[in-house]
Amino acid sequence: MSCFLALVAVAAIMLVVLQAGCKRQPPPGRPAPVVQTAPVREERPQPPVAKDSSGRLSRDEVRRALERLAESPPPSKLSIGADCYARIGPPATACYVCAKCGDRTLYARRPTGAEGPPEARGAGLGLLHELPEYRRQAKEVRNLDLELDESEFCGKCRPEVSDPQMVLVVRYPGTADPHRCRGVNQEDLRLIRAFLAGRLEYVNLFGEGSPLKERMPRLRELLGAGP
């Protein structure tokens, strides 16, 4: 009797195992179901968000956003950019009209050692022809109190400057003295906009991409948010 019960128990166990195996196998002639997996999403740091009523970022908030960028992985894909390009030199002359005093300053390209009128400047000529783009990019920065100081290009306001440069001015809430960075170019403004948008990639003027975290030293210099 005991042997019979043992055989019945073994048969029951084998039946359960066979049924489980049949459930895991697809029916004859039908392919096995494909398990759908969610696509891997590339993580990106959140853009810095101002928390005060002014809507402007503080220096501490900018520093924290830079720390998040430093801890973020580099982008898996980068923009390739153009295979070839040719830069066209600026015209030989330009006239800067000061927004503060209204005076006009003449800029002209002159050979080294050549004499010219005392009111003419040579340095900064190329930047003047790009000035509308500088102003446009600075205007599109929303959550940072940022402006461009063009006073060095005015021969009346700053006659002592022989090599005029663009100056970036950043004001932080609760800080009396603004941060000033001299020698700003278009690439710097694009760099700031990419950072404020929470991107991982920086794309230069020619469409070539690079990891934004590699430009952190310049970002700290531009924004006055060093360690």
Protein backbone atom coordinates (compact mmCIF):
# COMPACT_ATOMS: atom_id res chain seq x y z
CA MET A 1 0.00 0.00 0.00
CA SER A 2 2.79 2.39 0.90
CA CYS A 3 4.54 1.67 -2.40
CA PHE A 4 1.33 2.44 -4.29
CA LEU A 5 0.94 5.79 -2.51
CA ALA A 6 4.56 6.64 -3.26
CA LEU A 7 4.07 5.92 -6.94
CA VAL A 8 0.94 8.10 -7.01
CA ALA A 9 2.83 10.99 -5.38
CA VAL A 10 5.71 10.73 -7.89
CA ALA A 11 3.24 10.67 -10.79
CA ALA A 12 1.49 13.77 -9.46
CA ILE A 13 4.78 15.66 -9.16
CA MET A 14 5.78 14.69 -12.72
CA LEU A 15 2.40 15.86 -14.03
CA VAL A 16 2.81 19.28 -12.39
CA VAL A 17 6.32 19.65 -13.85
CA LEU A 18 5.13 18.69 -17.34
CA GLN A 19 2.24 21.17 -17.18
CA ALA A 20 4.57 23.97 -16.11
CA GLY A 21 6.94 23.17 -18.96
CA CYS A 22 4.08 23.23 -21.45
CA LYS A 23 3.02 26.70 -20.30
CA ARG A 24 6.54 28.07 -20.90
CA GLN A 25 6.77 26.65 -24.43
CA PRO A 26 4.98 28.36 -27.34
CA PRO A 27 2.46 26.33 -29.37
CA PRO A 28 3.84 24.48 -32.43
CA GLY A 29 4.27 26.72 -35.46
CA ARG A 30 4.03 29.96 -33.43
CA PRO A 31 7.15 32.00 -32.58
CA ALA A 32 8.00 32.71 -28.99
CA PRO A 33 6.69 36.05 -27.72
CA VAL A 34 9.19 38.92 -27.84
CA VAL A 35 9.74 40.69 -24.56
CA GLN A 36 9.58 44.45 -25.07
CA THR A 37 12.21 46.43 -23.19
CA ALA A 38 12.06 50.16 -22.59
CA PRO A 39 14.67 52.17 -24.50
CA VAL A 40 17.61 53.42 -22.47
CA ARG A 41 17.23 57.14 -21.90
CA GLU A 42 20.35 59.23 -21.58
CA GLU A 43 20.37 61.11 -18.31
CA ARG A 44 20.95 64.84 -18.31
CA PRO A 45 21.31 67.25 -15.42
CA GLN A 46 18.34 69.41 -14.63
CA PRO A 47 18.77 73.05 -15.65
CA PRO A 48 19.34 75.41 -12.74
CA VAL A 49 16.07 76.92 -11.50
CA ALA A 50 15.84 80.14 -9.53
CA LYS A 51 13.95 79.77 -6.27
CA ASP A 52 13.43 83.39 -5.29
CA SER A 53 10.69 85.76 -6.43
CA SER A 54 12.99 87.61 -8.85
CA GLY A 55 13.42 84.55 -11.06
CA ARG A 56 17.18 85.16 -11.18
CA LEU A 57 19.73 82.56 -10.23
CA SER A 58 21.92 83.05 -7.19
CA ARG A 59 25.64 82.28 -7.17
CA ASP A 60 25.04 79.24 -4.93
CA GLU A 61 22.43 77.86 -7.33
CA VAL A 62 24.86 78.23 -10.23
CA ARG A 63 27.56 76.44 -8.23
CA ARG A 64 25.22 73.55 -7.41
CA ALA A 65 24.26 73.25 -11.08
CA LEU A 66 27.96 73.11 -12.01
CA GLU A 67 28.46 70.33 -9.45
CA ARG A 68 25.61 68.34 -11.02
CA LEU A 69 27.20 68.80 -14.43
CA ALA A 70 30.56 67.56 -13.11
CA GLU A 71 28.90 64.38 -11.78
CA SER A 72 26.94 63.70 -15.00
CA PRO A 73 28.22 61.22 -17.58
CA PRO A 74 29.36 62.64 -20.92
CA PRO A 75 26.91 62.36 -23.82
CA SER A 76 27.03 59.08 -25.74
CA LYS A 77 26.77 60.86 -29.11
CA LEU A 78 28.23 64.19 -30.23
CA SER A 79 27.39 66.44 -33.14
CA ILE A 80 29.84 66.04 -36.01
CA GLY A 81 29.65 69.50 -37.55
CA ALA A 82 30.65 70.63 -41.00
CA ASP A 83 33.40 68.83 -42.90
CA CYS A 84 34.88 72.06 -44.16
CA TYR A 85 34.24 75.73 -43.83
CA ALA A 86 35.76 79.03 -44.81
CA ARG A 87 35.59 82.11 -42.64
CA ILE A 88 35.15 85.41 -44.42
CA GLY A 89 37.10 88.29 -42.94
CA PRO A 90 35.21 91.37 -41.72
CA PRO A 91 35.03 94.55 -43.79
CA ALA A 92 37.95 96.94 -43.46
CA THR A 93 36.00 99.58 -41.53
CA ALA A 94 33.27 99.83 -38.92
CA CYS A 95 31.65 102.59 -36.89
CA TYR A 96 30.57 102.03 -33.31
CA VAL A 97 27.78 104.21 -31.93
CA CYS A 98 27.87 104.34 -28.14
CA ALA A 99 24.52 103.59 -26.50
CA LYS A 100 25.40 105.81 -23.50
CA CYS A 101 26.93 108.98 -24.91
CA GLY A 102 25.91 108.68 -28.56
CA ASP A 103 29.44 109.34 -29.82
CA ARG A 104 30.75 107.56 -32.92
CA THR A 105 34.10 105.74 -32.97
CA LEU A 106 35.72 104.75 -36.27
CA TYR A 107 37.42 101.39 -36.59
CA ALA A 108 39.70 100.63 -39.54
CA ARG A 109 42.08 97.85 -40.42
CA ARG A 110 45.56 99.24 -40.95
CA PRO A 111 48.87 97.53 -41.76
CA THR A 112 51.35 97.25 -38.93
CA GLY A 113 53.18 100.54 -38.46
CA ALA A 114 50.92 102.46 -40.83
CA GLU A 115 49.78 105.89 -39.79
CA GLY A 116 46.19 106.94 -39.70
CA PRO A 117 43.77 109.38 -38.16
CA PRO A 118 43.97 109.45 -34.34
CA GLU A 119 40.26 108.70 -33.98
CA ALA A 120 40.57 105.37 -35.83
CA ARG A 121 41.04 102.10 -33.95
CA GLY A 122 42.08 98.78 -35.42
CA ALA A 123 41.55 96.26 -32.60
CA GLY A 124 38.03 94.95 -32.09
CA LEU A 125 37.04 95.45 -35.73
CA GLY A 126 35.90 91.85 -36.24
CA LEU A 127 33.78 91.82 -33.09
CA LEU A 128 31.90 94.95 -34.10
CA HIS A 129 30.51 93.24 -37.18
CA GLU A 130 29.28 90.39 -34.95
CA LEU A 131 27.80 92.76 -32.36
CA PRO A 132 24.11 92.09 -33.29
CA GLU A 133 24.64 88.36 -32.64
CA TYR A 134 26.31 89.08 -29.29
CA ARG A 135 23.35 91.20 -28.22
CA ARG A 136 20.82 88.62 -29.42
CA GLN A 137 22.40 85.78 -27.48
CA ALA A 138 22.71 87.86 -24.30
CA LYS A 139 19.06 88.91 -24.58
CA GLU A 140 17.89 85.29 -24.79
CA VAL A 141 19.36 84.45 -21.36
CA ARG A 142 16.27 84.51 -19.12
CA ASN A 143 17.08 83.20 -15.66
CA LEU A 144 20.41 84.95 -15.10
CA ASP A 145 20.95 88.69 -14.56
CA LEU A 146 23.45 89.09 -17.36
CA GLU A 147 24.43 91.97 -19.65
CA LEU A 148 27.21 93.01 -22.01
CA ASP A 149 29.38 96.04 -21.29
CA GLU A 150 30.41 97.58 -24.62
CA SER A 151 31.96 100.75 -23.17
CA GLU A 152 35.52 99.82 -24.20
CA PHE A 153 34.52 100.25 -27.85
CA CYS A 154 33.67 103.91 -27.32
CA GLY A 155 36.64 106.18 -27.94
CA LYS A 156 35.01 108.95 -25.88
CA CYS A 157 33.99 106.91 -22.83
CA ARG A 158 37.16 104.81 -22.73
CA PRO A 159 39.89 106.63 -24.66
CA GLU A 160 42.65 104.91 -22.67
CA VAL A 161 41.75 101.43 -24.03
CA SER A 162 43.92 100.43 -27.00
CA ASP A 163 42.63 96.86 -27.27
CA PRO A 164 38.85 97.02 -26.68
CA GLN A 165 37.15 93.84 -25.54
CA MET A 166 33.62 92.76 -24.71
CA VAL A 167 32.93 92.54 -20.97
CA LEU A 168 30.34 90.20 -19.45
CA VAL A 169 28.58 91.48 -16.33
CA VAL A 170 26.68 89.04 -14.07
CA ARG A 171 24.69 90.24 -11.06
CA TYR A 172 23.58 87.80 -8.38
CA PRO A 173 20.78 88.46 -5.87
CA GLY A 174 22.13 89.53 -2.49
CA THR A 175 25.56 90.42 -3.91
CA ALA A 176 26.61 94.06 -3.98
CA ASP A 177 29.40 93.87 -6.56
CA PRO A 178 28.68 92.31 -9.97
CA HIS A 179 31.03 89.76 -11.49
CA ARG A 180 32.87 91.05 -14.57
CA CYS A 181 34.69 88.93 -17.15
CA ARG A 182 36.66 90.68 -19.90
CA GLY A 183 37.34 89.20 -23.32
CA VAL A 184 34.03 87.42 -23.94
CA ASN A 185 33.27 86.00 -27.38
CA GLN A 186 30.32 84.34 -29.09
CA GLU A 187 31.45 80.87 -28.07
CA ASP A 188 31.30 81.94 -24.42
CA LEU A 189 27.70 83.09 -24.75
CA ARG A 190 26.71 79.82 -26.44
CA LEU A 191 28.47 77.98 -23.63
CA ILE A 192 26.45 79.80 -20.98
CA ARG A 193 23.17 79.15 -22.79
CA ALA A 194 23.92 75.42 -23.11
CA PHE A 195 24.68 75.24 -19.39
CA LEU A 196 21.53 77.10 -18.36
CA ALA A 197 19.46 74.78 -20.57
CA GLY A 198 20.79 71.72 -18.70
CA ARG A 199 22.53 70.20 -21.71
CA LEU A 200 25.42 67.76 -21.66
CA GLU A 201 26.78 68.73 -25.07
CA TYR A 202 28.26 72.02 -26.21
CA VAL A 203 27.95 72.74 -29.94
CA ASN A 204 30.28 75.40 -31.32
CA LEU A 205 29.63 77.87 -34.12
CA PHE A 206 30.47 75.25 -36.74
CA GLY A 207 28.14 72.56 -35.38
CA GLU A 208 30.86 70.46 -33.75
CA GLY A 209 29.91 68.98 -30.39
CA SER A 210 31.98 68.31 -27.28
CA PRO A 211 31.13 67.31 -23.68
CA LEU A 212 29.97 70.40 -21.83
CA LYS A 213 31.68 69.26 -18.62
CA GLU A 214 35.05 69.75 -20.32
CA ARG A 215 34.32 73.49 -20.43
CA MET A 216 33.64 73.84 -16.71
CA PRO A 217 36.78 75.92 -15.96
CA ARG A 218 35.66 78.50 -18.52
CA LEU A 219 32.07 78.40 -17.20
CA ARG A 220 33.30 79.11 -13.67
CA GLU A 221 35.38 82.00 -14.99
CA LEU A 222 32.52 83.47 -17.00
CA LEU A 223 29.93 83.16 -14.22
CA GLY A 224 32.15 83.91 -11.24
CA ALA A 225 31.12 80.64 -9.62
CA GLY A 226 34.42 79.02 -8.83
CA PRO A 227 35.00 76.54 -5.99
